[in-house]
Structure formats: C-alpha cells, structure tokens
C-alpha cells in the first residue's frame, strides 16, 4: 500500500489485541511513510519548521485531522519542531489507524 492509498482511508473504532498489527505488517506499511520510525509501541516522526508559529499551525491542522478520524497522536511541540507519535492504546500497540493517520499527516506536511 502506498502513501496515497493509506491517506485516503478512514480510521475505524478498534478494541482488542486482534486488531494489533504484526511486526511484519507494520514494517510493510512503514515503507509508505517517509521518515517515520517504529518505536517500542508507536510510530513516530519529527517534523521541522522555520519557526514556532509554523510548528504551531501544523499542530493545529493535525489536531483537526485527529478529531475527524477520532484517532489522536501524542505530540511534542517546540520551537521549529513537532514530534508526532501514533499508537492505538485500545489494541495495545500498532493498528491500521496509526498508519492511516500518519499518512494523512504526511499529506498535510507536504502541503
């Protein structure tokens, strides 16, 4: 699946370990997300900006996407940067929703 295909999908409510992605599937999906990395129980990427106001605008736009998808990342905002982390707590790890939202963030950042 490529970035465009992922970004066109919509998150679904997921609960339970049966929705947790295997390490192999997560690695396969990660290939569509430039610069994203797999952590212990998340996927993450640091985005860089010219100043604080652009980083904050990115966070606000990302927040709108997260609300629309009902899937919310952990964010760390600082001057000229934003660290974005997705995981699905209700499945105890990574789910398809994490990769869908990461793809939507990629499209947002390309702008």
PDB file of N, CA and C in Angstrom:
ATOM      1  N   UNK A   1       0.855  -1.172   0.000  1.00  0.00           N
ATOM      2  CA  UNK A   1       0.000   0.000   0.000  1.00  0.00           C
ATOM      3  C   UNK A   1       0.900   1.234   0.000  1.00  0.00           C
ATOM      4  N   UNK A   2       0.550   2.220  -0.813  1.00  0.00           N
ATOM      5  CA  UNK A   2       1.369   3.424  -0.881  1.00  0.00           C
ATOM      6  C   UNK A   2       0.769   4.543  -0.020  1.00  0.00           C
ATOM      7  N   UNK A   3       1.476   5.671   0.043  1.00  0.00           N
ATOM      8  CA  UNK A   3       1.060   6.791   0.877  1.00  0.00           C
ATOM      9  C   UNK A   3      -0.330   7.291   0.510  1.00  0.00           C
ATOM     10  N   UNK A   4      -0.580   7.474  -0.772  1.00  0.00           N
ATOM     11  CA  UNK A   4      -1.881   7.994  -1.215  1.00  0.00           C
ATOM     12  C   UNK A   4      -3.018   7.056  -0.824  1.00  0.00           C
ATOM     13  N   UNK A   5      -2.819   5.755  -1.014  1.00  0.00           N
ATOM     14  CA  UNK A   5      -3.853   4.779  -0.656  1.00  0.00           C
ATOM     15  C   UNK A   5      -4.129   4.799   0.848  1.00  0.00           C
ATOM     16  N   UNK A   6      -3.062   4.883   1.643  1.00  0.00           N
ATOM     17  CA  UNK A   6      -3.237   4.943   3.100  1.00  0.00           C
ATOM     18  C   UNK A   6      -3.991   6.206   3.504  1.00  0.00           C
ATOM     19  N   UNK A   7      -3.588   7.337   2.935  1.00  0.00           N
ATOM     20  CA  UNK A   7      -4.178   8.623   3.319  1.00  0.00           C
ATOM     21  C   UNK A   7      -5.649   8.730   2.939  1.00  0.00           C
ATOM     22  N   UNK A   8      -6.098   7.974   1.972  1.00  0.00           N
ATOM     23  CA  UNK A   8      -7.496   8.029   1.545  1.00  0.00           C
ATOM     24  C   UNK A   8      -8.417   7.190   2.426  1.00  0.00           C
ATOM     25  N   UNK A   9      -7.849   6.368   3.293  1.00  0.00           N
ATOM     26  CA  UNK A   9      -8.664   5.529   4.164  1.00  0.00           C
ATOM     27  C   UNK A   9      -9.131   6.328   5.386  1.00  0.00           C
ATOM     28  N   UNK A  10     -10.059   5.763   6.128  1.00  0.00           N
ATOM     29  CA  UNK A  10     -10.582   6.393   7.330  1.00  0.00           C
ATOM     30  C   UNK A  10     -10.436   5.435   8.509  1.00  0.00           C
ATOM     31  N   UNK A  11     -10.142   5.998   9.662  1.00  0.00           N
ATOM     32  CA  UNK A  11      -9.985   5.192  10.868  1.00  0.00           C
ATOM     33  C   UNK A  11     -11.319   4.600  11.290  1.00  0.00           C
ATOM     34  N   UNK A  12     -11.223   3.425  11.910  1.00  0.00           N
ATOM     35  CA  UNK A  12     -12.397   2.734  12.449  1.00  0.00           C
ATOM     36  C   UNK A  12     -12.161   2.470  13.927  1.00  0.00           C
ATOM     37  N   UNK A  13     -13.206   2.449  14.723  1.00  0.00           N
ATOM     38  CA  UNK A  13     -13.027   2.111  16.136  1.00  0.00           C
ATOM     39  C   UNK A  13     -12.478   0.684  16.264  1.00  0.00           C
ATOM     40  N   UNK A  14     -11.401   0.547  17.001  1.00  0.00           N
ATOM     41  CA  UNK A  14     -10.768  -0.761  17.183  1.00  0.00           C
ATOM     42  C   UNK A  14     -10.519  -0.998  18.664  1.00  0.00           C
ATOM     43  N   UNK A  15     -10.882  -2.163  19.128  1.00  0.00           N
ATOM     44  CA  UNK A  15     -10.610  -2.566  20.513  1.00  0.00           C
ATOM     45  C   UNK A  15     -10.201  -4.031  20.498  1.00  0.00           C
ATOM     46  N   UNK A  16      -9.185  -4.342  21.266  1.00  0.00           N
ATOM     47  CA  UNK A  16      -8.763  -5.721  21.410  1.00  0.00           C
ATOM     48  C   UNK A  16      -7.506  -6.040  20.622  1.00  0.00           C
ATOM     49  N   UNK A  17      -6.757  -6.970  21.160  1.00  0.00           N
ATOM     50  CA  UNK A  17      -5.473  -7.371  20.577  1.00  0.00           C
ATOM     51  C   UNK A  17      -5.591  -7.942  19.171  1.00  0.00           C
ATOM     52  N   UNK A  18      -6.772  -8.411  18.802  1.00  0.00           N
ATOM     53  CA  UNK A  18      -6.939  -8.981  17.463  1.00  0.00           C
ATOM     54  C   UNK A  18      -6.739  -7.934  16.365  1.00  0.00           C
ATOM     55  N   UNK A  19      -6.782  -6.654  16.730  1.00  0.00           N
ATOM     56  CA  UNK A  19      -6.577  -5.580  15.748  1.00  0.00           C
ATOM     57  C   UNK A  19      -5.128  -5.079  15.724  1.00  0.00           C
ATOM     58  N   UNK A  20      -4.309  -5.621  16.601  1.00  0.00           N
ATOM     59  CA  UNK A  20      -2.900  -5.222  16.649  1.00  0.00           C
ATOM     60  C   UNK A  20      -2.184  -5.785  15.421  1.00  0.00           C
ATOM     61  N   UNK A  21      -1.385  -4.945  14.770  1.00  0.00           N
ATOM     62  CA  UNK A  21      -0.652  -5.380  13.584  1.00  0.00           C
ATOM     63  C   UNK A  21       0.571  -6.206  13.972  1.00  0.00           C
ATOM     64  N   UNK A  22       0.883  -7.162  13.139  1.00  0.00           N
ATOM     65  CA  UNK A  22       2.116  -7.929  13.335  1.00  0.00           C
ATOM     66  C   UNK A  22       3.309  -7.028  13.026  1.00  0.00           C
ATOM     67  N   UNK A  23       4.463  -7.388  13.522  1.00  0.00           N
ATOM     68  CA  UNK A  23       5.682  -6.617  13.236  1.00  0.00           C
ATOM     69  C   UNK A  23       5.948  -6.575  11.739  1.00  0.00           C
ATOM     70  N   UNK A  24       5.691  -7.667  11.044  1.00  0.00           N
ATOM     71  CA  UNK A  24       5.918  -7.719   9.593  1.00  0.00           C
ATOM     72  C   UNK A  24       4.978  -6.780   8.853  1.00  0.00           C
ATOM     73  N   UNK A  25       3.711  -6.753   9.231  1.00  0.00           N
ATOM     74  CA  UNK A  25       2.743  -5.868   8.577  1.00  0.00           C
ATOM     75  C   UNK A  25       3.077  -4.408   8.870  1.00  0.00           C
ATOM     76  N   UNK A  26       3.456  -4.111  10.106  1.00  0.00           N
ATOM     77  CA  UNK A  26       3.833  -2.742  10.470  1.00  0.00           C
ATOM     78  C   UNK A  26       5.037  -2.284   9.650  1.00  0.00           C
ATOM     79  N   UNK A  27       6.004  -3.140   9.488  1.00  0.00           N
ATOM     80  CA  UNK A  27       7.191  -2.802   8.697  1.00  0.00           C
ATOM     81  C   UNK A  27       6.827  -2.583   7.231  1.00  0.00           C
ATOM     82  N   UNK A  28       5.934  -3.393   6.714  1.00  0.00           N
ATOM     83  CA  UNK A  28       5.465  -3.244   5.331  1.00  0.00           C
ATOM     84  C   UNK A  28       4.776  -1.894   5.133  1.00  0.00           C
ATOM     85  N   UNK A  29       3.889  -1.522   6.053  1.00  0.00           N
ATOM     86  CA  UNK A  29       3.170  -0.251   5.952  1.00  0.00           C
ATOM     87  C   UNK A  29       4.104   0.941   6.161  1.00  0.00           C
ATOM     88  N   UNK A  30       5.088   0.780   7.022  1.00  0.00           N
ATOM     89  CA  UNK A  30       6.036   1.849   7.302  1.00  0.00           C
ATOM     90  C   UNK A  30       6.784   2.282   6.036  1.00  0.00           C
ATOM     91  N   UNK A  31       6.974   1.371   5.107  1.00  0.00           N
ATOM     92  CA  UNK A  31       7.676   1.676   3.860  1.00  0.00           C
ATOM     93  C   UNK A  31       6.987   2.786   3.071  1.00  0.00           C
ATOM     94  N   UNK A  32       5.696   2.996   3.297  1.00  0.00           N
ATOM     95  CA  UNK A  32       4.951   4.046   2.593  1.00  0.00           C
ATOM     96  C   UNK A  32       5.075   5.403   3.274  1.00  0.00           C
ATOM     97  N   UNK A  33       5.698   5.450   4.439  1.00  0.00           N
ATOM     98  CA  UNK A  33       5.748   6.676   5.245  1.00  0.00           C
ATOM     99  C   UNK A  33       7.184   7.175   5.382  1.00  0.00           C
ATOM    100  N   UNK A  34       7.602   8.086   4.518  1.00  0.00           N
ATOM    101  CA  UNK A  34       8.995   8.549   4.543  1.00  0.00           C
ATOM    102  C   UNK A  34       9.360   9.218   5.867  1.00  0.00           C
ATOM    103  N   UNK A  35      10.448   8.760   6.457  1.00  0.00           N
ATOM    104  CA  UNK A  35      10.967   9.362   7.678  1.00  0.00           C
ATOM    105  C   UNK A  35      10.347   8.871   8.967  1.00  0.00           C
ATOM    106  N   UNK A  36       9.285   8.083   8.893  1.00  0.00           N
ATOM    107  CA  UNK A  36       8.653   7.547  10.098  1.00  0.00           C
ATOM    108  C   UNK A  36       9.449   6.347  10.588  1.00  0.00           C
ATOM    109  N   UNK A  37       9.429   6.142  11.906  1.00  0.00           N
ATOM    110  CA  UNK A  37      10.148   5.030  12.529  1.00  0.00           C
ATOM    111  C   UNK A  37       9.208   4.287  13.471  1.00  0.00           C
ATOM    112  N   UNK A  38       9.513   3.031  13.673  1.00  0.00           N
ATOM    113  CA  UNK A  38       8.767   2.226  14.638  1.00  0.00           C
ATOM    114  C   UNK A  38       9.500   2.274  15.970  1.00  0.00           C
ATOM    115  N   UNK A  39       8.764   2.639  17.025  1.00  0.00           N
ATOM    116  CA  UNK A  39       9.308   2.643  18.373  1.00  0.00           C
ATOM    117  C   UNK A  39       8.877   1.385  19.107  1.00  0.00           C
ATOM    118  N   UNK A  40       8.903   1.431  20.417  1.00  0.00           N
ATOM    119  CA  UNK A  40       8.510   0.264  21.208  1.00  0.00           C
ATOM    120  C   UNK A  40       7.051  -0.099  20.995  1.00  0.00           C
ATOM    121  N   UNK A  41       6.176   0.905  20.983  1.00  0.00           N
ATOM    122  CA  UNK A  41       4.748   0.635  20.787  1.00  0.00           C
ATOM    123  C   UNK A  41       4.103   1.757  19.978  1.00  0.00           C
ATOM    124  N   UNK A  42       4.897   2.418  19.136  1.00  0.00           N
ATOM    125  CA  UNK A  42       4.365   3.527  18.357  1.00  0.00           C
ATOM    126  C   UNK A  42       5.088   3.642  17.020  1.00  0.00           C
ATOM    127  N   UNK A  43       4.561   4.517  16.176  1.00  0.00           N
ATOM    128  CA  UNK A  43       5.310   5.011  15.032  1.00  0.00           C
ATOM    129  C   UNK A  43       5.459   6.500  15.265  1.00  0.00           C
ATOM    130  N   UNK A  44       6.591   7.061  14.867  1.00  0.00           N
ATOM    131  CA  UNK A  44       6.855   8.459  15.170  1.00  0.00           C
ATOM    132  C   UNK A  44       7.723   9.117  14.111  1.00  0.00           C
ATOM    133  N   UNK A  45       7.599  10.442  14.064  1.00  0.00           N
ATOM    134  CA  UNK A  45       8.426  11.246  13.165  1.00  0.00           C
ATOM    135  C   UNK A  45       8.516  12.655  13.735  1.00  0.00           C
ATOM    136  N   UNK A  46       9.697  13.233  13.593  1.00  0.00           N
ATOM    137  CA  UNK A  46       9.880  14.629  13.975  1.00  0.00           C
ATOM    138  C   UNK A  46       9.815  15.495  12.720  1.00  0.00           C
ATOM    139  N   UNK A  47       8.949  16.492  12.756  1.00  0.00           N
ATOM    140  CA  UNK A  47       8.801  17.445  11.664  1.00  0.00           C
ATOM    141  C   UNK A  47       9.509  18.730  12.049  1.00  0.00           C
ATOM    142  N   UNK A  48      10.187  19.354  11.084  1.00  0.00           N
ATOM    143  CA  UNK A  48      10.931  20.591  11.329  1.00  0.00           C
ATOM    144  C   UNK A  48      10.293  21.755  10.595  1.00  0.00           C
ATOM    145  N   UNK A  49      10.353  22.932  11.228  1.00  0.00           N
ATOM    146  CA  UNK A  49       9.748  24.148  10.696  1.00  0.00           C
ATOM    147  C   UNK A  49      10.715  25.311  10.878  1.00  0.00           C
ATOM    148  N   UNK A  50      10.447  26.402  10.193  1.00  0.00           N
ATOM    149  CA  UNK A  50      11.316  27.574  10.259  1.00  0.00           C
ATOM    150  C   UNK A  50      11.194  28.350  11.565  1.00  0.00           C
ATOM    151  N   UNK A  51      10.063  28.175  12.258  1.00  0.00           N
ATOM    152  CA  UNK A  51       9.856  28.926  13.487  1.00  0.00           C
ATOM    153  C   UNK A  51       8.733  28.269  14.295  1.00  0.00           C
ATOM    154  N   UNK A  52       8.434  28.873  15.431  1.00  0.00           N
ATOM    155  CA  UNK A  52       7.416  28.320  16.319  1.00  0.00           C
ATOM    156  C   UNK A  52       6.015  28.433  15.720  1.00  0.00           C
ATOM    157  N   UNK A  53       5.712  29.570  15.098  1.00  0.00           N
ATOM    158  CA  UNK A  53       4.350  29.787  14.605  1.00  0.00           C
ATOM    159  C   UNK A  53       3.974  28.763  13.528  1.00  0.00           C
ATOM    160  N   UNK A  54       4.915  28.369  12.683  1.00  0.00           N
ATOM    161  CA  UNK A  54       4.622  27.350  11.668  1.00  0.00           C
ATOM    162  C   UNK A  54       4.458  25.968  12.303  1.00  0.00           C
ATOM    163  N   UNK A  55       5.256  25.685  13.313  1.00  0.00           N
ATOM    164  CA  UNK A  55       5.100  24.414  14.032  1.00  0.00           C
ATOM    165  C   UNK A  55       3.737  24.361  14.719  1.00  0.00           C
ATOM    166  N   UNK A  56       3.323  25.471  15.314  1.00  0.00           N
ATOM    167  CA  UNK A  56       2.032  25.527  15.987  1.00  0.00           C
ATOM    168  C   UNK A  56       0.875  25.395  14.994  1.00  0.00           C
ATOM    169  N   UNK A  57       0.999  26.023  13.836  1.00  0.00           N
ATOM    170  CA  UNK A  57      -0.037  25.903  12.805  1.00  0.00           C
ATOM    171  C   UNK A  57      -0.168  24.449  12.347  1.00  0.00           C
ATOM    172  N   UNK A  58       0.963  23.770  12.206  1.00  0.00           N
ATOM    173  CA  UNK A  58       0.972  22.349  11.843  1.00  0.00           C
ATOM    174  C   UNK A  58       0.224  21.539  12.904  1.00  0.00           C
ATOM    175  N   UNK A  59       0.506  21.794  14.167  1.00  0.00           N
ATOM    176  CA  UNK A  59      -0.151  21.069  15.262  1.00  0.00           C
ATOM    177  C   UNK A  59      -1.660  21.317  15.229  1.00  0.00           C
ATOM    178  N   UNK A  60      -2.069  22.546  14.987  1.00  0.00           N
ATOM    179  CA  UNK A  60      -3.496  22.851  14.930  1.00  0.00           C
ATOM    180  C   UNK A  60      -4.173  22.134  13.766  1.00  0.00           C
ATOM    181  N   UNK A  61      -3.538  22.104  12.606  1.00  0.00           N
ATOM    182  CA  UNK A  61      -4.105  21.388  11.457  1.00  0.00           C
ATOM    183  C   UNK A  61      -4.134  19.886  11.725  1.00  0.00           C
ATOM    184  N   UNK A  62      -3.078  19.380  12.328  1.00  0.00           N
ATOM    185  CA  UNK A  62      -3.016  17.961  12.677  1.00  0.00           C
ATOM    186  C   UNK A  62      -4.119  17.618  13.680  1.00  0.00           C
ATOM    187  N   UNK A  63      -4.373  18.513  14.614  1.00  0.00           N
ATOM    188  CA  UNK A  63      -5.440  18.295  15.591  1.00  0.00           C
ATOM    189  C   UNK A  63      -6.803  18.174  14.936  1.00  0.00           C
ATOM    190  N   UNK A  64      -7.043  18.964  13.908  1.00  0.00           N
ATOM    191  CA  UNK A  64      -8.299  18.876  13.180  1.00  0.00           C
ATOM    192  C   UNK A  64      -8.426  17.505  12.517  1.00  0.00           C
ATOM    193  N   UNK A  65      -7.360  17.025  11.899  1.00  0.00           N
ATOM    194  CA  UNK A  65      -7.365  15.695  11.266  1.00  0.00           C
ATOM    195  C   UNK A  65      -7.638  14.627  12.324  1.00  0.00           C
ATOM    196  N   UNK A  66      -6.956  14.727  13.449  1.00  0.00           N
ATOM    197  CA  UNK A  66      -7.120  13.735  14.523  1.00  0.00           C
ATOM    198  C   UNK A  66      -8.572  13.685  15.011  1.00  0.00           C
ATOM    199  N   UNK A  67      -9.190  14.838  15.136  1.00  0.00           N
ATOM    200  CA  UNK A  67     -10.590  14.879  15.560  1.00  0.00           C
ATOM    201  C   UNK A  67     -11.500  14.244  14.509  1.00  0.00           C
ATOM    202  N   UNK A  68     -11.252  14.528  13.245  1.00  0.00           N
ATOM    203  CA  UNK A  68     -12.059  13.956  12.166  1.00  0.00           C
ATOM    204  C   UNK A  68     -11.947  12.431  12.145  1.00  0.00           C
ATOM    205  N   UNK A  69     -10.768  11.921  12.447  1.00  0.00           N
ATOM    206  CA  UNK A  69     -10.532  10.477  12.418  1.00  0.00           C
ATOM    207  C   UNK A  69     -10.806   9.806  13.768  1.00  0.00           C
ATOM    208  N   UNK A  70     -11.011  10.601  14.808  1.00  0.00           N
ATOM    209  CA  UNK A  70     -11.156  10.104  16.174  1.00  0.00           C
ATOM    210  C   UNK A  70      -9.986   9.189  16.553  1.00  0.00           C
ATOM    211  N   UNK A  71      -8.795   9.654  16.169  1.00  0.00           N
ATOM    212  CA  UNK A  71      -7.559   8.925  16.492  1.00  0.00           C
ATOM    213  C   UNK A  71      -6.487   9.974  16.744  1.00  0.00           C
ATOM    214  N   UNK A  72      -6.050  10.064  17.983  1.00  0.00           N
ATOM    215  CA  UNK A  72      -5.248  11.200  18.426  1.00  0.00           C
ATOM    216  C   UNK A  72      -3.811  10.799  18.749  1.00  0.00           C
ATOM    217  N   UNK A  73      -2.857  11.566  18.231  1.00  0.00           N
ATOM    218  CA  UNK A  73      -1.447  11.275  18.488  1.00  0.00           C
ATOM    219  C   UNK A  73      -0.981  11.891  19.804  1.00  0.00           C
ATOM    220  N   UNK A  74       0.181  11.459  20.241  1.00  0.00           N
ATOM    221  CA  UNK A  74       0.920  12.173  21.274  1.00  0.00           C
ATOM    222  C   UNK A  74       1.804  13.155  20.524  1.00  0.00           C
ATOM    223  N   UNK A  75       1.837  14.395  20.985  1.00  0.00           N
ATOM    224  CA  UNK A  75       2.582  15.455  20.310  1.00  0.00           C
ATOM    225  C   UNK A  75       3.554  16.105  21.277  1.00  0.00           C
ATOM    226  N   UNK A  76       4.713  16.458  20.742  1.00  0.00           N
ATOM    227  CA  UNK A  76       5.681  17.256  21.494  1.00  0.00           C
ATOM    228  C   UNK A  76       6.033  18.441  20.609  1.00  0.00           C
ATOM    229  N   UNK A  77       5.650  19.633  21.036  1.00  0.00           N
ATOM    230  CA  UNK A  77       5.838  20.851  20.260  1.00  0.00           C
ATOM    231  C   UNK A  77       6.952  21.683  20.865  1.00  0.00           C
ATOM    232  N   UNK A  78       7.831  22.172  20.019  1.00  0.00           N
ATOM    233  CA  UNK A  78       8.892  23.080  20.447  1.00  0.00           C
ATOM    234  C   UNK A  78       9.184  24.059  19.331  1.00  0.00           C
ATOM    235  N   UNK A  79      10.121  24.954  19.569  1.00  0.00           N
ATOM    236  CA  UNK A  79      10.463  25.958  18.563  1.00  0.00           C
ATOM    237  C   UNK A  79      10.973  25.254  17.307  1.00  0.00           C
ATOM    238  N   UNK A  80      10.225  25.387  16.219  1.00  0.00           N
ATOM    239  CA  UNK A  80      10.649  24.849  14.936  1.00  0.00           C
ATOM    240  C   UNK A  80      10.561  23.341  14.796  1.00  0.00           C
ATOM    241  N   UNK A  81       9.810  22.695  15.691  1.00  0.00           N
ATOM    242  CA  UNK A  81       9.731  21.231  15.587  1.00  0.00           C
ATOM    243  C   UNK A  81       8.449  20.704  16.217  1.00  0.00           C
ATOM    244  N   UNK A  82       8.063  19.533  15.753  1.00  0.00           N
ATOM    245  CA  UNK A  82       6.937  18.817  16.349  1.00  0.00           C
ATOM    246  C   UNK A  82       7.195  17.325  16.204  1.00  0.00           C
ATOM    247  N   UNK A  83       7.229  16.629  17.309  1.00  0.00           N
ATOM    248  CA  UNK A  83       7.348  15.180  17.313  1.00  0.00           C
ATOM    249  C   UNK A  83       5.938  14.601  17.381  1.00  0.00           C
ATOM    250  N   UNK A  84       5.620  13.730  16.424  1.00  0.00           N
ATOM    251  CA  UNK A  84       4.293  13.112  16.332  1.00  0.00           C
ATOM    252  C   UNK A  84       4.449  11.618  16.582  1.00  0.00           C
ATOM    253  N   UNK A  85       3.650  11.092  17.500  1.00  0.00           N
ATOM    254  CA  UNK A  85       3.663   9.656  17.816  1.00  0.00           C
ATOM    255  C   UNK A  85       2.239   9.113  17.742  1.00  0.00           C
ATOM    256  N   UNK A  86       2.076   8.044  16.992  1.00  0.00           N
ATOM    257  CA  UNK A  86       0.792   7.355  16.927  1.00  0.00           C
ATOM    258  C   UNK A  86       0.928   5.951  17.497  1.00  0.00           C
ATOM    259  N   UNK A  87      -0.051   5.558  18.281  1.00  0.00           N
ATOM    260  CA  UNK A  87      -0.222   4.175  18.725  1.00  0.00           C
ATOM    261  C   UNK A  87      -1.706   4.016  19.036  1.00  0.00           C
ATOM    262  N   UNK A  88      -2.141   2.777  19.170  1.00  0.00           N
ATOM    263  CA  UNK A  88      -3.550   2.527  19.461  1.00  0.00           C
ATOM    264  C   UNK A  88      -3.626   1.829  20.817  1.00  0.00           C
ATOM    265  N   UNK A  89      -3.907   2.623  21.836  1.00  0.00           N
ATOM    266  CA  UNK A  89      -3.926   2.097  23.203  1.00  0.00           C
ATOM    267  C   UNK A  89      -4.950   0.983  23.368  1.00  0.00           C
ATOM    268  N   UNK A  90      -6.086   1.084  22.665  1.00  0.00           N
ATOM    269  CA  UNK A  90      -7.148   0.089  22.804  1.00  0.00           C
ATOM    270  C   UNK A  90      -6.801  -1.274  22.217  1.00  0.00           C
ATOM    271  N   UNK A  91      -5.709  -1.353  21.444  1.00  0.00           N
ATOM    272  CA  UNK A  91      -5.274  -2.660  20.939  1.00  0.00           C
ATOM    273  C   UNK A  91      -3.927  -3.060  21.539  1.00  0.00           C
ATOM    274  N   UNK A  92      -3.334  -2.168  22.324  1.00  0.00           N
ATOM    275  CA  UNK A  92      -2.073  -2.484  22.988  1.00  0.00           C
ATOM    276  C   UNK A  92      -0.853  -2.404  22.081  1.00  0.00           C
ATOM    277  N   UNK A  93      -0.919  -1.602  21.046  1.00  0.00           N
ATOM    278  CA  UNK A  93       0.222  -1.471  20.127  1.00  0.00           C
ATOM    279  C   UNK A  93      -0.196  -0.732  18.877  1.00  0.00           C
ATOM    280  N   UNK A  94       0.317  -1.180  17.760  1.00  0.00           N
ATOM    281  CA  UNK A  94       0.038  -0.527  16.482  1.00  0.00           C
ATOM    282  C   UNK A  94      -1.167  -1.147  15.785  1.00  0.00           C
ATOM    283  N   UNK A  95      -1.970  -0.279  15.184  1.00  0.00           N
ATOM    284  CA  UNK A  95      -3.106  -0.726  14.386  1.00  0.00           C
ATOM    285  C   UNK A  95      -3.065  -0.015  13.039  1.00  0.00           C
ATOM    286  N   UNK A  96      -3.951  -0.399  12.176  1.00  0.00           N
ATOM    287  CA  UNK A  96      -4.058   0.244  10.873  1.00  0.00           C
ATOM    288  C   UNK A  96      -4.341   1.735  11.029  1.00  0.00           C
ATOM    289  N   UNK A  97      -5.090   2.123  12.057  1.00  0.00           N
ATOM    290  CA  UNK A  97      -5.413   3.526  12.279  1.00  0.00           C
ATOM    291  C   UNK A  97      -4.162   4.398  12.416  1.00  0.00           C
ATOM    292  N   UNK A  98      -3.117   3.861  13.043  1.00  0.00           N
ATOM    293  CA  UNK A  98      -1.883   4.625  13.214  1.00  0.00           C
ATOM    294  C   UNK A  98      -1.257   4.965  11.868  1.00  0.00           C
ATOM    295  N   UNK A  99      -1.266   4.030  10.973  1.00  0.00           N
ATOM    296  CA  UNK A  99      -0.648   4.236   9.660  1.00  0.00           C
ATOM    297  C   UNK A  99      -1.518   5.124   8.769  1.00  0.00           C
ATOM    298  N   UNK A 100      -2.825   5.001   8.902  1.00  0.00           N
ATOM    299  CA  UNK A 100      -3.736   5.875   8.156  1.00  0.00           C
ATOM    300  C   UNK A 100      -3.507   7.326   8.586  1.00  0.00           C
ATOM    301  N   UNK A 101      -3.469   7.567   9.875  1.00  0.00           N
ATOM    302  CA  UNK A 101      -3.283   8.936  10.356  1.00  0.00           C
ATOM    303  C   UNK A 101      -1.889   9.461  10.039  1.00  0.00           C
ATOM    304  N   UNK A 102      -0.890   8.625  10.138  1.00  0.00           N
ATOM    305  CA  UNK A 102       0.464   9.061   9.779  1.00  0.00           C
ATOM    306  C   UNK A 102       0.508   9.472   8.303  1.00  0.00           C
ATOM    307  N   UNK A 103      -0.171   8.741   7.457  1.00  0.00           N
ATOM    308  CA  UNK A 103      -0.215   9.095   6.036  1.00  0.00           C
ATOM    309  C   UNK A 103      -0.925  10.428   5.828  1.00  0.00           C
ATOM    310  N   UNK A 104      -1.985  10.663   6.578  1.00  0.00           N
ATOM    311  CA  UNK A 104      -2.692  11.937   6.474  1.00  0.00           C
ATOM    312  C   UNK A 104      -1.784  13.092   6.941  1.00  0.00           C
ATOM    313  N   UNK A 105      -0.986  12.855   7.964  1.00  0.00           N
ATOM    314  CA  UNK A 105      -0.036  13.859   8.434  1.00  0.00           C
ATOM    315  C   UNK A 105       1.030  14.121   7.369  1.00  0.00           C
ATOM    316  N   UNK A 106       1.479  13.090   6.703  1.00  0.00           N
ATOM    317  CA  UNK A 106       2.453  13.262   5.613  1.00  0.00           C
ATOM    318  C   UNK A 106       1.884  14.150   4.514  1.00  0.00           C
ATOM    319  N   UNK A 107       0.647  13.903   4.136  1.00  0.00           N
ATOM    320  CA  UNK A 107      -0.004  14.723   3.107  1.00  0.00           C
ATOM    321  C   UNK A 107      -0.104  16.171   3.590  1.00  0.00           C
ATOM    322  N   UNK A 108      -0.479  16.357   4.856  1.00  0.00           N
ATOM    323  CA  UNK A 108      -0.543  17.694   5.436  1.00  0.00           C
ATOM    324  C   UNK A 108       0.813  18.388   5.373  1.00  0.00           C
ATOM    325  N   UNK A 109       1.866  17.695   5.744  1.00  0.00           N
ATOM    326  CA  UNK A 109       3.190  18.312   5.791  1.00  0.00           C
ATOM    327  C   UNK A 109       3.729  18.637   4.405  1.00  0.00           C
ATOM    328  N   UNK A 110       3.264  17.914   3.392  1.00  0.00           N
ATOM    329  CA  UNK A 110       3.689  18.181   2.014  1.00  0.00           C
ATOM    330  C   UNK A 110       3.000  19.416   1.462  1.00  0.00           C
ATOM    331  N   UNK A 111       1.898  19.786   2.102  1.00  0.00           N
ATOM    332  CA  UNK A 111       1.184  20.884   1.870  1.00  0.00           C
ATOM    333  C   UNK A 111       0.572  21.688   0.978  1.00  0.00           C
TER     334      UNK A 111
END
